[in-house]
Amino acid sequence: MIPDEFIELYYGKHKIVDLHNQTKEDARINLIYAIESLDIDTKCLIVVHGYHGGTVIKNLVRKEFKHSKIAEKVNFDAGRTIFLIKN
């Protein structure tokens, strides 16, 4: 696992949202809330979705979820995805 300090150095200020043990709909709602509540200087959102408990949340994050503030999605590792936020 790559340390969060690397993320801060490479991408800038970030926030983390953990979606473990959530339903697909709860995860969608929490993603929207997390994105909408970001500080203006936050450059990325680290989404912890895991992968051992199935792929429903992982697929939601990586393939299905869209938001106008997301510039790009980075498949960081098997259990985390980074949303780069538009300026």
PDB file of N, CA and C in Angstrom:
ATOM      1  N   MET A   1       0.837  -1.175   0.000  1.00  0.00           N
ATOM      2  CA  MET A   1       0.000   0.000   0.000  1.00  0.00           C
ATOM      3  C   MET A   1       0.886   1.245   0.000  1.00  0.00           C
ATOM      4  N   ILE A   2       0.594   2.155  -0.876  1.00  0.00           N
ATOM      5  CA  ILE A   2       1.355   3.402  -0.967  1.00  0.00           C
ATOM      6  C   ILE A   2       0.858   4.356   0.117  1.00  0.00           C
ATOM      7  N   PRO A   3       1.774   4.949   0.861  1.00  0.00           N
ATOM      8  CA  PRO A   3       1.365   5.829   1.968  1.00  0.00           C
ATOM      9  C   PRO A   3       0.639   7.085   1.485  1.00  0.00           C
ATOM     10  N   ASP A   4      -0.250   7.590   2.316  1.00  0.00           N
ATOM     11  CA  ASP A   4      -1.008   8.787   1.972  1.00  0.00           C
ATOM     12  C   ASP A   4      -0.106   9.998   1.783  1.00  0.00           C
ATOM     13  N   GLU A   5       1.057  10.021   2.436  1.00  0.00           N
ATOM     14  CA  GLU A   5       1.992  11.135   2.283  1.00  0.00           C
ATOM     15  C   GLU A   5       2.414  11.283   0.815  1.00  0.00           C
ATOM     16  N   PHE A   6       2.551  10.165   0.122  1.00  0.00           N
ATOM     17  CA  PHE A   6       2.884  10.198  -1.305  1.00  0.00           C
ATOM     18  C   PHE A   6       1.764  10.869  -2.091  1.00  0.00           C
ATOM     19  N   ILE A   7       0.545  10.550  -1.747  1.00  0.00           N
ATOM     20  CA  ILE A   7      -0.603  11.127  -2.435  1.00  0.00           C
ATOM     21  C   ILE A   7      -0.595  12.636  -2.268  1.00  0.00           C
ATOM     22  N   GLU A   8      -0.360  13.091  -1.041  1.00  0.00           N
ATOM     23  CA  GLU A   8      -0.321  14.531  -0.761  1.00  0.00           C
ATOM     24  C   GLU A   8       0.775  15.212  -1.573  1.00  0.00           C
ATOM     25  N   LEU A   9       1.951  14.601  -1.640  1.00  0.00           N
ATOM     26  CA  LEU A   9       3.055  15.187  -2.391  1.00  0.00           C
ATOM     27  C   LEU A   9       2.778  15.205  -3.889  1.00  0.00           C
ATOM     28  N   TYR A  10       2.192  14.144  -4.391  1.00  0.00           N
ATOM     29  CA  TYR A  10       1.985  14.023  -5.836  1.00  0.00           C
ATOM     30  C   TYR A  10       0.749  14.789  -6.326  1.00  0.00           C
ATOM     31  N   TYR A  11      -0.373  14.630  -5.603  1.00  0.00           N
ATOM     32  CA  TYR A  11      -1.633  15.211  -6.060  1.00  0.00           C
ATOM     33  C   TYR A  11      -2.017  16.499  -5.342  1.00  0.00           C
ATOM     34  N   GLY A  12      -1.544  16.705  -4.132  1.00  0.00           N
ATOM     35  CA  GLY A  12      -1.930  17.876  -3.345  1.00  0.00           C
ATOM     36  C   GLY A  12      -2.906  17.491  -2.246  1.00  0.00           C
ATOM     37  N   LYS A  13      -3.540  18.509  -1.685  1.00  0.00           N
ATOM     38  CA  LYS A  13      -4.467  18.294  -0.569  1.00  0.00           C
ATOM     39  C   LYS A  13      -5.554  17.290  -0.965  1.00  0.00           C
ATOM     40  N   HIS A  14      -5.834  16.363  -0.048  1.00  0.00           N
ATOM     41  CA  HIS A  14      -6.825  15.339  -0.357  1.00  0.00           C
ATOM     42  C   HIS A  14      -7.748  15.082   0.827  1.00  0.00           C
ATOM     43  N   LYS A  15      -8.817  14.373   0.550  1.00  0.00           N
ATOM     44  CA  LYS A  15      -9.764  13.915   1.549  1.00  0.00           C
ATOM     45  C   LYS A  15      -9.987  12.428   1.271  1.00  0.00           C
ATOM     46  N   ILE A  16     -10.325  11.681   2.312  1.00  0.00           N
ATOM     47  CA  ILE A  16     -10.550  10.242   2.172  1.00  0.00           C
ATOM     48  C   ILE A  16     -11.999   9.924   2.538  1.00  0.00           C
ATOM     49  N   VAL A  17     -12.628   9.084   1.737  1.00  0.00           N
ATOM     50  CA  VAL A  17     -13.950   8.565   2.066  1.00  0.00           C
ATOM     51  C   VAL A  17     -13.871   7.039   2.007  1.00  0.00           C
ATOM     52  N   ASP A  18     -14.354   6.397   3.061  1.00  0.00           N
ATOM     53  CA  ASP A  18     -14.302   4.935   3.165  1.00  0.00           C
ATOM     54  C   ASP A  18     -15.709   4.375   2.960  1.00  0.00           C
ATOM     55  N   LEU A  19     -15.858   3.525   1.962  1.00  0.00           N
ATOM     56  CA  LEU A  19     -17.166   2.977   1.609  1.00  0.00           C
ATOM     57  C   LEU A  19     -17.342   1.519   2.035  1.00  0.00           C
ATOM     58  N   HIS A  20     -16.421   0.999   2.829  1.00  0.00           N
ATOM     59  CA  HIS A  20     -16.534  -0.386   3.297  1.00  0.00           C
ATOM     60  C   HIS A  20     -17.883  -0.626   3.977  1.00  0.00           C
ATOM     61  N   ASN A  21     -18.433  -1.798   3.750  1.00  0.00           N
ATOM     62  CA  ASN A  21     -19.660  -2.266   4.415  1.00  0.00           C
ATOM     63  C   ASN A  21     -20.875  -1.380   4.151  1.00  0.00           C
ATOM     64  N   GLN A  22     -20.917  -0.713   3.015  1.00  0.00           N
ATOM     65  CA  GLN A  22     -22.075   0.096   2.662  1.00  0.00           C
ATOM     66  C   GLN A  22     -22.820  -0.552   1.502  1.00  0.00           C
ATOM     67  N   THR A  23     -24.095  -0.256   1.432  1.00  0.00           N
ATOM     68  CA  THR A  23     -24.856  -0.700   0.275  1.00  0.00           C
ATOM     69  C   THR A  23     -24.463   0.177  -0.909  1.00  0.00           C
ATOM     70  N   LYS A  24     -24.823  -0.253  -2.084  1.00  0.00           N
ATOM     71  CA  LYS A  24     -24.492   0.507  -3.287  1.00  0.00           C
ATOM     72  C   LYS A  24     -25.115   1.895  -3.230  1.00  0.00           C
ATOM     73  N   GLU A  25     -26.361   1.981  -2.805  1.00  0.00           N
ATOM     74  CA  GLU A  25     -27.040   3.279  -2.746  1.00  0.00           C
ATOM     75  C   GLU A  25     -26.446   4.172  -1.667  1.00  0.00           C
ATOM     76  N   ASP A  26     -26.122   3.616  -0.501  1.00  0.00           N
ATOM     77  CA  ASP A  26     -25.470   4.404   0.547  1.00  0.00           C
ATOM     78  C   ASP A  26     -24.110   4.911   0.071  1.00  0.00           C
ATOM     79  N   ALA A  27     -23.375   4.067  -0.631  1.00  0.00           N
ATOM     80  CA  ALA A  27     -22.066   4.461  -1.150  1.00  0.00           C
ATOM     81  C   ALA A  27     -22.214   5.605  -2.151  1.00  0.00           C
ATOM     82  N   ARG A  28     -23.200   5.525  -3.024  1.00  0.00           N
ATOM     83  CA  ARG A  28     -23.450   6.592  -4.008  1.00  0.00           C
ATOM     84  C   ARG A  28     -23.751   7.912  -3.297  1.00  0.00           C
ATOM     85  N   ILE A  29     -24.612   7.869  -2.296  1.00  0.00           N
ATOM     86  CA  ILE A  29     -24.976   9.068  -1.538  1.00  0.00           C
ATOM     87  C   ILE A  29     -23.758   9.642  -0.826  1.00  0.00           C
ATOM     88  N   ASN A  30     -22.942   8.785  -0.221  1.00  0.00           N
ATOM     89  CA  ASN A  30     -21.751   9.245   0.489  1.00  0.00           C
ATOM     90  C   ASN A  30     -20.705   9.821  -0.457  1.00  0.00           C
ATOM     91  N   LEU A  31     -20.606   9.291  -1.658  1.00  0.00           N
ATOM     92  CA  LEU A  31     -19.693   9.857  -2.652  1.00  0.00           C
ATOM     93  C   LEU A  31     -20.138  11.265  -3.045  1.00  0.00           C
ATOM     94  N   ILE A  32     -21.404  11.424  -3.298  1.00  0.00           N
ATOM     95  CA  ILE A  32     -21.930  12.747  -3.664  1.00  0.00           C
ATOM     96  C   ILE A  32     -21.672  13.732  -2.529  1.00  0.00           C
ATOM     97  N   TYR A  33     -21.983  13.327  -1.308  1.00  0.00           N
ATOM     98  CA  TYR A  33     -21.773  14.209  -0.155  1.00  0.00           C
ATOM     99  C   TYR A  33     -20.295  14.567  -0.007  1.00  0.00           C
ATOM    100  N   ALA A  34     -19.421  13.574  -0.134  1.00  0.00           N
ATOM    101  CA  ALA A  34     -17.982  13.817   0.021  1.00  0.00           C
ATOM    102  C   ALA A  34     -17.476  14.804  -1.024  1.00  0.00           C
ATOM    103  N   ILE A  35     -17.909  14.649  -2.255  1.00  0.00           N
ATOM    104  CA  ILE A  35     -17.467  15.549  -3.326  1.00  0.00           C
ATOM    105  C   ILE A  35     -18.023  16.957  -3.114  1.00  0.00           C
ATOM    106  N   GLU A  36     -19.285  17.039  -2.779  1.00  0.00           N
ATOM    107  CA  GLU A  36     -19.920  18.347  -2.603  1.00  0.00           C
ATOM    108  C   GLU A  36     -19.379  19.100  -1.389  1.00  0.00           C
ATOM    109  N   SER A  37     -18.823  18.393  -0.418  1.00  0.00           N
ATOM    110  CA  SER A  37     -18.336  19.049   0.798  1.00  0.00           C
ATOM    111  C   SER A  37     -16.821  19.297   0.791  1.00  0.00           C
ATOM    112  N   LEU A  38     -16.163  19.069  -0.341  1.00  0.00           N
ATOM    113  CA  LEU A  38     -14.721  19.301  -0.421  1.00  0.00           C
ATOM    114  C   LEU A  38     -14.399  20.789  -0.300  1.00  0.00           C
ATOM    115  N   ASP A  39     -13.303  21.097   0.387  1.00  0.00           N
ATOM    116  CA  ASP A  39     -12.794  22.462   0.418  1.00  0.00           C
ATOM    117  C   ASP A  39     -12.348  22.842  -0.985  1.00  0.00           C
ATOM    118  N   ILE A  40     -12.334  24.117  -1.254  1.00  0.00           N
ATOM    119  CA  ILE A  40     -11.993  24.602  -2.593  1.00  0.00           C
ATOM    120  C   ILE A  40     -10.565  24.257  -3.003  1.00  0.00           C
ATOM    121  N   ASP A  41      -9.668  24.090  -2.021  1.00  0.00           N
ATOM    122  CA  ASP A  41      -8.271  23.796  -2.345  1.00  0.00           C
ATOM    123  C   ASP A  41      -7.948  22.304  -2.335  1.00  0.00           C
ATOM    124  N   THR A  42      -8.960  21.455  -2.162  1.00  0.00           N
ATOM    125  CA  THR A  42      -8.760  20.008  -2.188  1.00  0.00           C
ATOM    126  C   THR A  42      -8.612  19.551  -3.635  1.00  0.00           C
ATOM    127  N   LYS A  43      -7.545  18.821  -3.904  1.00  0.00           N
ATOM    128  CA  LYS A  43      -7.220  18.416  -5.277  1.00  0.00           C
ATOM    129  C   LYS A  43      -7.727  17.021  -5.646  1.00  0.00           C
ATOM    130  N   CYS A  44      -7.910  16.161  -4.625  1.00  0.00           N
ATOM    131  CA  CYS A  44      -8.374  14.809  -4.946  1.00  0.00           C
ATOM    132  C   CYS A  44      -9.129  14.195  -3.778  1.00  0.00           C
ATOM    133  N   LEU A  45      -9.958  13.227  -4.117  1.00  0.00           N
ATOM    134  CA  LEU A  45     -10.711  12.449  -3.143  1.00  0.00           C
ATOM    135  C   LEU A  45     -10.246  11.006  -3.268  1.00  0.00           C
ATOM    136  N   ILE A  46      -9.751  10.461  -2.172  1.00  0.00           N
ATOM    137  CA  ILE A  46      -9.340   9.054  -2.154  1.00  0.00           C
ATOM    138  C   ILE A  46     -10.548   8.239  -1.716  1.00  0.00           C
ATOM    139  N   VAL A  47     -10.995   7.350  -2.571  1.00  0.00           N
ATOM    140  CA  VAL A  47     -12.159   6.523  -2.288  1.00  0.00           C
ATOM    141  C   VAL A  47     -11.675   5.126  -1.937  1.00  0.00           C
ATOM    142  N   VAL A  48     -11.909   4.723  -0.694  1.00  0.00           N
ATOM    143  CA  VAL A  48     -11.546   3.385  -0.228  1.00  0.00           C
ATOM    144  C   VAL A  48     -12.784   2.512  -0.387  1.00  0.00           C
ATOM    145  N   HIS A  49     -12.706   1.577  -1.342  1.00  0.00           N
ATOM    146  CA  HIS A  49     -13.857   0.716  -1.621  1.00  0.00           C
ATOM    147  C   HIS A  49     -13.575  -0.740  -1.303  1.00  0.00           C
ATOM    148  N   GLY A  50     -12.325  -1.090  -1.150  1.00  0.00           N
ATOM    149  CA  GLY A  50     -11.976  -2.479  -0.887  1.00  0.00           C
ATOM    150  C   GLY A  50     -12.214  -3.344  -2.109  1.00  0.00           C
ATOM    151  N   TYR A  51     -11.941  -4.634  -1.948  1.00  0.00           N
ATOM    152  CA  TYR A  51     -12.172  -5.568  -3.047  1.00  0.00           C
ATOM    153  C   TYR A  51     -12.371  -7.001  -2.561  1.00  0.00           C
ATOM    154  N   HIS A  52     -12.133  -7.262  -1.291  1.00  0.00           N
ATOM    155  CA  HIS A  52     -12.283  -8.630  -0.783  1.00  0.00           C
ATOM    156  C   HIS A  52     -13.747  -9.036  -0.606  1.00  0.00           C
ATOM    157  N   GLY A  53     -14.610  -8.060  -0.346  1.00  0.00           N
ATOM    158  CA  GLY A  53     -16.010  -8.371  -0.079  1.00  0.00           C
ATOM    159  C   GLY A  53     -16.887  -8.380  -1.308  1.00  0.00           C
ATOM    160  N   GLY A  54     -16.301  -8.375  -2.473  1.00  0.00           N
ATOM    161  CA  GLY A  54     -17.066  -8.334  -3.712  1.00  0.00           C
ATOM    162  C   GLY A  54     -16.715  -7.089  -4.498  1.00  0.00           C
ATOM    163  N   THR A  55     -17.323  -6.962  -5.674  1.00  0.00           N
ATOM    164  CA  THR A  55     -16.938  -5.870  -6.566  1.00  0.00           C
ATOM    165  C   THR A  55     -18.053  -4.856  -6.813  1.00  0.00           C
ATOM    166  N   VAL A  56     -19.154  -4.950  -6.109  1.00  0.00           N
ATOM    167  CA  VAL A  56     -20.276  -4.038  -6.359  1.00  0.00           C
ATOM    168  C   VAL A  56     -19.863  -2.586  -6.129  1.00  0.00           C
ATOM    169  N   ILE A  57     -19.254  -2.288  -4.989  1.00  0.00           N
ATOM    170  CA  ILE A  57     -18.854  -0.916  -4.676  1.00  0.00           C
ATOM    171  C   ILE A  57     -17.675  -0.493  -5.558  1.00  0.00           C
ATOM    172  N   LYS A  58     -16.750  -1.388  -5.768  1.00  0.00           N
ATOM    173  CA  LYS A  58     -15.607  -1.081  -6.635  1.00  0.00           C
ATOM    174  C   LYS A  58     -16.081  -0.723  -8.044  1.00  0.00           C
ATOM    175  N   ASN A  59     -17.013  -1.488  -8.584  1.00  0.00           N
ATOM    176  CA  ASN A  59     -17.549  -1.199  -9.917  1.00  0.00           C
ATOM    177  C   ASN A  59     -18.333   0.109  -9.940  1.00  0.00           C
ATOM    178  N   LEU A  60     -19.067   0.383  -8.861  1.00  0.00           N
ATOM    179  CA  LEU A  60     -19.772   1.653  -8.770  1.00  0.00           C
ATOM    180  C   LEU A  60     -18.777   2.805  -8.881  1.00  0.00           C
ATOM    181  N   VAL A  61     -17.726   2.742  -8.075  1.00  0.00           N
ATOM    182  CA  VAL A  61     -16.740   3.820  -8.020  1.00  0.00           C
ATOM    183  C   VAL A  61     -16.002   3.959  -9.347  1.00  0.00           C
ATOM    184  N   ARG A  62     -15.522   2.867  -9.878  1.00  0.00           N
ATOM    185  CA  ARG A  62     -14.646   2.934 -11.051  1.00  0.00           C
ATOM    186  C   ARG A  62     -15.381   3.039 -12.385  1.00  0.00           C
ATOM    187  N   LYS A  63     -16.561   2.456 -12.491  1.00  0.00           N
ATOM    188  CA  LYS A  63     -17.232   2.384 -13.793  1.00  0.00           C
ATOM    189  C   LYS A  63     -18.523   3.185 -13.880  1.00  0.00           C
ATOM    190  N   GLU A  64     -19.321   3.190 -12.827  1.00  0.00           N
ATOM    191  CA  GLU A  64     -20.666   3.759 -12.925  1.00  0.00           C
ATOM    192  C   GLU A  64     -20.772   5.198 -12.446  1.00  0.00           C
ATOM    193  N   PHE A  65     -20.072   5.539 -11.362  1.00  0.00           N
ATOM    194  CA  PHE A  65     -20.266   6.847 -10.736  1.00  0.00           C
ATOM    195  C   PHE A  65     -19.680   7.966 -11.577  1.00  0.00           C
ATOM    196  N   LYS A  66     -20.482   9.013 -11.763  1.00  0.00           N
ATOM    197  CA  LYS A  66     -20.030  10.197 -12.491  1.00  0.00           C
ATOM    198  C   LYS A  66     -20.461  11.426 -11.699  1.00  0.00           C
ATOM    199  N   HIS A  67     -19.634  12.464 -11.773  1.00  0.00           N
ATOM    200  CA  HIS A  67     -19.943  13.733 -11.116  1.00  0.00           C
ATOM    201  C   HIS A  67     -19.232  14.832 -11.889  1.00  0.00           C
ATOM    202  N   SER A  68     -19.866  15.974 -11.989  1.00  0.00           N
ATOM    203  CA  SER A  68     -19.304  17.068 -12.785  1.00  0.00           C
ATOM    204  C   SER A  68     -17.989  17.609 -12.225  1.00  0.00           C
ATOM    205  N   LYS A  69     -17.698  17.369 -10.950  1.00  0.00           N
ATOM    206  CA  LYS A  69     -16.453  17.866 -10.352  1.00  0.00           C
ATOM    207  C   LYS A  69     -15.275  16.903 -10.518  1.00  0.00           C
ATOM    208  N   ILE A  70     -15.513  15.719 -11.053  1.00  0.00           N
ATOM    209  CA  ILE A  70     -14.441  14.742 -11.247  1.00  0.00           C
ATOM    210  C   ILE A  70     -13.775  14.989 -12.594  1.00  0.00           C
ATOM    211  N   ALA A  71     -12.479  15.303 -12.550  1.00  0.00           N
ATOM    212  CA  ALA A  71     -11.717  15.516 -13.779  1.00  0.00           C
ATOM    213  C   ALA A  71     -11.213  14.189 -14.337  1.00  0.00           C
ATOM    214  N   GLU A  72     -10.816  13.294 -13.436  1.00  0.00           N
ATOM    215  CA  GLU A  72     -10.239  12.008 -13.840  1.00  0.00           C
ATOM    216  C   GLU A  72     -10.316  11.034 -12.682  1.00  0.00           C
ATOM    217  N   LYS A  73     -10.408   9.748 -13.025  1.00  0.00           N
ATOM    218  CA  LYS A  73     -10.351   8.681 -12.021  1.00  0.00           C
ATOM    219  C   LYS A  73      -9.030   7.942 -12.190  1.00  0.00           C
ATOM    220  N   VAL A  74      -8.354   7.694 -11.074  1.00  0.00           N
ATOM    221  CA  VAL A  74      -7.079   6.974 -11.091  1.00  0.00           C
ATOM    222  C   VAL A  74      -7.261   5.698 -10.286  1.00  0.00           C
ATOM    223  N   ASN A  75      -7.084   4.546 -10.931  1.00  0.00           N
ATOM    224  CA  ASN A  75      -7.134   3.268 -10.224  1.00  0.00           C
ATOM    225  C   ASN A  75      -5.829   3.108  -9.458  1.00  0.00           C
ATOM    226  N   PHE A  76      -5.833   3.564  -8.213  1.00  0.00           N
ATOM    227  CA  PHE A  76      -4.621   3.660  -7.421  1.00  0.00           C
ATOM    228  C   PHE A  76      -4.073   2.290  -7.030  1.00  0.00           C
ATOM    229  N   ASP A  77      -4.897   1.465  -6.454  1.00  0.00           N
ATOM    230  CA  ASP A  77      -4.550   0.066  -6.167  1.00  0.00           C
ATOM    231  C   ASP A  77      -5.862  -0.715  -6.134  1.00  0.00           C
ATOM    232  N   ALA A  78      -5.815  -1.970  -5.764  1.00  0.00           N
ATOM    233  CA  ALA A  78      -7.015  -2.809  -5.850  1.00  0.00           C
ATOM    234  C   ALA A  78      -8.160  -2.327  -4.970  1.00  0.00           C
ATOM    235  N   GLY A  79      -7.844  -1.666  -3.872  1.00  0.00           N
ATOM    236  CA  GLY A  79      -8.882  -1.267  -2.936  1.00  0.00           C
ATOM    237  C   GLY A  79      -9.159   0.217  -2.866  1.00  0.00           C
ATOM    238  N   ARG A  80      -8.435   1.015  -3.669  1.00  0.00           N
ATOM    239  CA  ARG A  80      -8.630   2.465  -3.629  1.00  0.00           C
ATOM    240  C   ARG A  80      -8.632   3.058  -5.039  1.00  0.00           C
ATOM    241  N   THR A  81      -9.458   4.072  -5.192  1.00  0.00           N
ATOM    242  CA  THR A  81      -9.527   4.839  -6.435  1.00  0.00           C
ATOM    243  C   THR A  81      -9.397   6.304  -6.055  1.00  0.00           C
ATOM    244  N   ILE A  82      -8.682   7.065  -6.864  1.00  0.00           N
ATOM    245  CA  ILE A  82      -8.528   8.491  -6.610  1.00  0.00           C
ATOM    246  C   ILE A  82      -9.350   9.255  -7.638  1.00  0.00           C
ATOM    247  N   PHE A  83     -10.171  10.180  -7.152  1.00  0.00           N
ATOM    248  CA  PHE A  83     -10.886  11.107  -8.018  1.00  0.00           C
ATOM    249  C   PHE A  83     -10.099  12.407  -8.021  1.00  0.00           C
ATOM    250  N   LEU A  84      -9.581  12.796  -9.171  1.00  0.00           N
ATOM    251  CA  LEU A  84      -8.940  14.093  -9.309  1.00  0.00           C
ATOM    252  C   LEU A  84     -10.048  15.111  -9.537  1.00  0.00           C
ATOM    253  N   ILE A  85      -9.991  16.181  -8.770  1.00  0.00           N
ATOM    254  CA  ILE A  85     -11.082  17.162  -8.756  1.00  0.00           C
ATOM    255  C   ILE A  85     -10.753  18.325  -9.697  1.00  0.00           C
ATOM    256  N   LYS A  86     -11.754  18.761 -10.447  1.00  0.00           N
ATOM    257  CA  LYS A  86     -11.585  19.905 -11.344  1.00  0.00           C
ATOM    258  C   LYS A  86     -11.349  21.169 -10.525  1.00  0.00           C
ATOM    259  N   ASN A  87     -10.517  22.052 -11.066  1.00  0.00           N
ATOM    260  CA  ASN A  87     -10.240  23.339 -10.403  1.00  0.00           C
ATOM    261  C   ASN A  87     -11.384  24.290 -10.599  1.00  0.00           C
TER     262      ASN A  87
END
